[in-house]
Amino acid sequence: MVKKSEQEDLVNDVESLQLTQDERIFIKASNLFVKKWSKKEPNFIEYFQNEWLTTHNACYEGVGHFTPSTNNALEATNNVIKKEHTLRERLPLSRFKVLAFEIVEKWSKCYERGLKKYNYKQTISLELWTTGYQWVKLNKSILSTECDNLVQYYIPAGDETKITNKFMCKHVVGMAIRLNHCKPPPAAKNVKIGEKRRRGRPSKSKKA
């Protein structure tokens, strides 16, 4: 439906539109999106307006504040149940009911005895500290808007993003550093801008 040369640019615009945190901004951004692409890709815009701006117009992040954007946590729990308990075998409902009670009892005792603990703080790897610090040093311009005493920050479109298995990216760490919410460890500053951290422990500081 869309020319190959325009696909990447259009997808970036759709993703930016989906990340909108406020209805007022979403409406303005939608109008600008339609205005930009209506002449270039009229067939796609007609479909997009009917499907995602009229029928399903609650498709942006701002519709559900403070709610998960994905079901990753649910799928992770499901994976543990399959690996450790059902062993990926389809069980009869009566057997699964008994197993479900056993799982809840086992997990409860593990937390009660301290074998498992809830994480109340986010752990950040040294690699992520390094990439976040390097991103800060690039000094990229950040847009911000304020709505209901909540400030939203917008990263430049097309900026490479990689979400780690800790559900964190360099932009989150970088913005925390820029806003003085945290300080990176000294080891994160040892790598030159643009270079990747080598594997293994960071080298010790040389004696003065």
Protein backbone atom coordinates (compact mmCIF):
# COMPACT_ATOMS: atom_id res chain seq x y z
CA MET A 1 0.00 0.00 0.00
CA VAL A 2 3.00 2.32 0.61
CA LYS A 3 5.99 2.95 -1.64
CA LYS A 4 9.10 1.17 -0.43
CA SER A 5 11.11 4.41 -0.34
CA GLU A 6 8.53 5.98 2.04
CA GLN A 7 7.93 3.00 4.34
CA GLU A 8 10.61 3.64 6.96
CA ASP A 9 9.75 7.33 7.34
CA LEU A 10 6.03 6.57 7.59
CA VAL A 11 6.52 3.82 10.19
CA ASN A 12 8.62 6.20 12.33
CA ASP A 13 5.79 8.76 12.19
CA VAL A 14 3.19 6.14 13.17
CA GLU A 15 5.33 5.00 16.12
CA SER A 16 5.79 8.60 17.28
CA LEU A 17 2.04 9.13 17.02
CA GLN A 18 1.37 6.00 19.08
CA LEU A 19 3.67 7.22 21.86
CA THR A 20 1.61 10.39 22.40
CA GLN A 21 0.86 10.93 26.10
CA ASP A 22 -2.03 13.39 25.86
CA GLU A 23 -5.33 13.55 23.90
CA ARG A 24 -4.84 17.19 22.91
CA ILE A 25 -1.37 16.46 21.51
CA PHE A 26 -2.62 13.28 19.82
CA ILE A 27 -5.32 15.21 17.94
CA LYS A 28 -2.84 17.86 16.79
CA ALA A 29 -0.23 15.27 15.84
CA SER A 30 -2.86 13.22 13.95
CA ASN A 31 -3.86 16.27 11.89
CA LEU A 32 -0.22 17.00 11.07
CA PHE A 33 0.37 13.33 10.18
CA VAL A 34 -2.62 13.28 7.80
CA LYS A 35 -1.55 16.60 6.28
CA LYS A 36 1.99 15.33 5.68
CA TRP A 37 1.03 12.00 4.08
CA SER A 38 -2.35 12.64 2.39
CA LYS A 39 -0.76 13.73 -0.91
CA LYS A 40 2.08 11.20 -0.86
CA GLU A 41 0.08 8.12 0.22
CA PRO A 42 -3.68 8.84 -0.14
CA ASN A 43 -4.74 5.16 -0.06
CA PHE A 44 -2.90 4.48 3.18
CA ILE A 45 -4.17 7.67 4.81
CA GLU A 46 -7.76 6.79 3.94
CA TYR A 47 -7.32 3.38 5.57
CA PHE A 48 -5.47 4.85 8.59
CA GLN A 49 -8.11 7.51 9.22
CA ASN A 50 -11.00 5.03 9.06
CA GLU A 51 -9.31 2.31 11.10
CA TRP A 52 -7.06 4.09 13.65
CA LEU A 53 -8.33 7.66 13.92
CA THR A 54 -12.08 6.93 13.83
CA THR A 55 -12.98 3.30 14.64
CA HIS A 56 -10.09 2.55 17.05
CA ASN A 57 -9.03 6.03 18.08
CA ALA A 58 -7.78 4.98 21.55
CA CYS A 59 -4.57 3.45 20.24
CA TYR A 60 -2.02 5.82 21.83
CA GLU A 61 -0.14 5.56 25.12
CA GLY A 62 -1.91 8.48 26.81
CA VAL A 63 -5.20 6.55 26.96
CA GLY A 64 -3.96 4.41 29.85
CA HIS A 65 -1.56 6.31 32.09
CA PHE A 66 0.57 4.22 34.47
CA THR A 67 -0.49 0.94 32.86
CA PRO A 68 1.85 -1.54 31.11
CA SER A 69 2.23 -1.06 27.37
CA THR A 70 2.94 -4.77 26.84
CA ASN A 71 2.08 -8.09 28.49
CA ASN A 72 5.76 -9.02 28.98
CA ALA A 73 5.39 -9.59 32.73
CA LEU A 74 2.42 -11.91 32.20
CA GLU A 75 4.25 -13.88 29.49
CA ALA A 76 7.33 -14.21 31.74
CA THR A 77 5.21 -15.73 34.51
CA ASN A 78 3.53 -18.03 31.99
CA ASN A 79 6.97 -19.18 30.81
CA VAL A 80 7.99 -20.13 34.38
CA ILE A 81 4.79 -22.16 34.82
CA LYS A 82 5.47 -24.05 31.57
CA LYS A 83 9.16 -24.69 32.30
CA GLU A 84 9.01 -25.65 35.99
CA HIS A 85 5.51 -27.01 36.57
CA THR A 86 3.50 -28.23 33.54
CA LEU A 87 6.70 -29.04 31.60
CA ARG A 88 4.93 -27.74 28.47
CA GLU A 89 2.38 -30.54 28.70
CA ARG A 90 -1.32 -29.86 28.17
CA LEU A 91 -3.10 -30.95 31.36
CA PRO A 92 -6.76 -31.80 32.01
CA LEU A 93 -8.60 -28.99 33.79
CA SER A 94 -8.98 -31.02 37.01
CA ARG A 95 -5.22 -31.71 37.19
CA PHE A 96 -4.30 -28.10 36.33
CA LYS A 97 -6.58 -26.82 39.11
CA VAL A 98 -4.68 -28.91 41.67
CA LEU A 99 -1.35 -27.81 40.17
CA ALA A 100 -2.36 -24.12 40.30
CA PHE A 101 -2.96 -24.35 44.07
CA GLU A 102 0.40 -26.11 44.48
CA ILE A 103 2.16 -23.34 42.50
CA VAL A 104 0.62 -20.56 44.61
CA GLU A 105 1.53 -22.36 47.84
CA LYS A 106 5.12 -23.00 46.69
CA TRP A 107 5.68 -19.41 45.52
CA SER A 108 4.17 -17.99 48.71
CA LYS A 109 6.51 -20.06 50.91
CA CYS A 110 9.53 -19.05 48.80
CA TYR A 111 8.81 -15.36 49.42
CA GLU A 112 7.93 -15.99 53.08
CA ARG A 113 11.24 -17.77 53.74
CA GLY A 114 13.26 -15.20 51.81
CA LEU A 115 14.27 -17.59 49.01
CA LYS A 116 12.77 -15.10 46.57
CA LYS A 117 12.52 -11.36 46.99
CA TYR A 118 10.61 -8.55 45.35
CA ASN A 119 12.75 -5.96 43.60
CA TYR A 120 11.86 -2.47 44.72
CA LYS A 121 14.73 -0.78 42.86
CA GLN A 122 15.75 -0.95 39.22
CA THR A 123 19.21 -2.44 38.67
CA ILE A 124 21.28 -0.86 35.89
CA SER A 125 24.19 -2.65 34.28
CA LEU A 126 27.53 -0.93 33.70
CA GLU A 127 27.00 -1.27 29.93
CA LEU A 128 23.70 0.61 30.19
CA TRP A 129 25.28 3.27 32.41
CA THR A 130 27.96 3.72 29.75
CA THR A 131 25.60 4.02 26.76
CA GLY A 132 23.33 6.35 28.75
CA TYR A 133 26.25 8.59 29.72
CA GLN A 134 27.54 8.66 26.13
CA TRP A 135 24.07 9.64 24.88
CA VAL A 136 24.02 12.54 27.37
CA LYS A 137 27.39 13.75 26.04
CA LEU A 138 25.92 13.96 22.51
CA ASN A 139 23.80 16.82 23.91
CA LYS A 140 20.78 16.17 21.68
CA SER A 141 17.86 18.58 21.87
CA ILE A 142 14.84 17.24 23.79
CA LEU A 143 11.27 18.49 23.47
CA SER A 144 9.12 18.66 26.58
CA THR A 145 5.45 19.37 27.27
CA GLU A 146 3.58 19.82 30.55
CA CYS A 147 0.04 18.58 31.17
CA ASP A 148 -1.69 18.21 34.56
CA ASN A 149 1.62 18.88 36.35
CA LEU A 150 3.17 15.96 34.46
CA VAL A 151 6.17 16.72 32.22
CA GLN A 152 6.62 14.57 29.12
CA TYR A 153 9.94 14.38 27.28
CA TYR A 154 10.24 13.49 23.59
CA ILE A 155 13.40 11.88 22.22
CA PRO A 156 14.42 12.90 18.65
CA ALA A 157 12.73 10.72 16.01
CA GLY A 158 14.98 8.11 14.45
CA ASP A 159 17.28 7.95 17.49
CA GLU A 160 18.36 4.34 17.85
CA THR A 161 16.65 2.61 20.75
CA LYS A 162 17.40 -0.77 22.30
CA ILE A 163 15.30 -2.03 25.20
CA THR A 164 17.26 -4.41 27.41
CA ASN A 165 15.86 -7.39 29.30
CA LYS A 166 15.62 -5.03 32.29
CA PHE A 167 12.98 -2.99 30.41
CA MET A 168 15.32 -0.03 30.34
CA CYS A 169 17.01 1.87 27.50
CA LYS A 170 19.87 4.35 27.30
CA HIS A 171 17.40 7.24 26.94
CA VAL A 172 15.78 6.57 30.33
CA VAL A 173 19.20 6.43 32.00
CA GLY A 174 20.42 9.44 30.01
CA MET A 175 17.40 11.59 30.91
CA ALA A 176 17.81 10.67 34.59
CA ILE A 177 21.42 11.88 34.39
CA ARG A 178 20.46 15.07 32.51
CA LEU A 179 17.78 15.92 35.07
CA ASN A 180 20.22 15.26 37.95
CA HIS A 181 18.15 12.39 39.36
CA CYS A 182 21.24 10.18 39.49
CA LYS A 183 24.98 10.14 38.83
CA PRO A 184 26.73 7.54 36.64
CA PRO A 185 29.52 5.50 38.23
CA PRO A 186 33.09 6.62 37.36
CA ALA A 187 33.64 3.41 35.35
CA ALA A 188 30.90 4.49 32.90
CA LYS A 189 33.02 7.48 31.88
CA ASN A 190 36.11 5.47 30.94
CA VAL A 191 34.91 4.55 27.43
CA LYS A 192 35.37 7.06 24.60
CA ILE A 193 32.24 8.50 23.00
CA GLY A 194 31.05 6.25 20.17
CA GLU A 195 32.96 3.19 21.37
CA LYS A 196 31.43 0.12 22.98
CA ARG A 197 32.51 -1.25 26.34
CA ARG A 198 34.70 -4.34 26.08
CA ARG A 199 33.72 -7.53 27.84
CA GLY A 200 35.05 -8.31 31.30
CA ARG A 201 35.76 -6.21 34.35
CA PRO A 202 36.70 -2.56 33.81
CA SER A 203 40.42 -1.89 34.24
CA LYS A 204 41.55 -0.43 37.57
CA SER A 205 42.59 3.21 37.71
CA LYS A 206 46.35 3.73 37.37
CA LYS A 207 48.20 4.99 40.39
CA ALA A 208 48.88 8.71 40.43
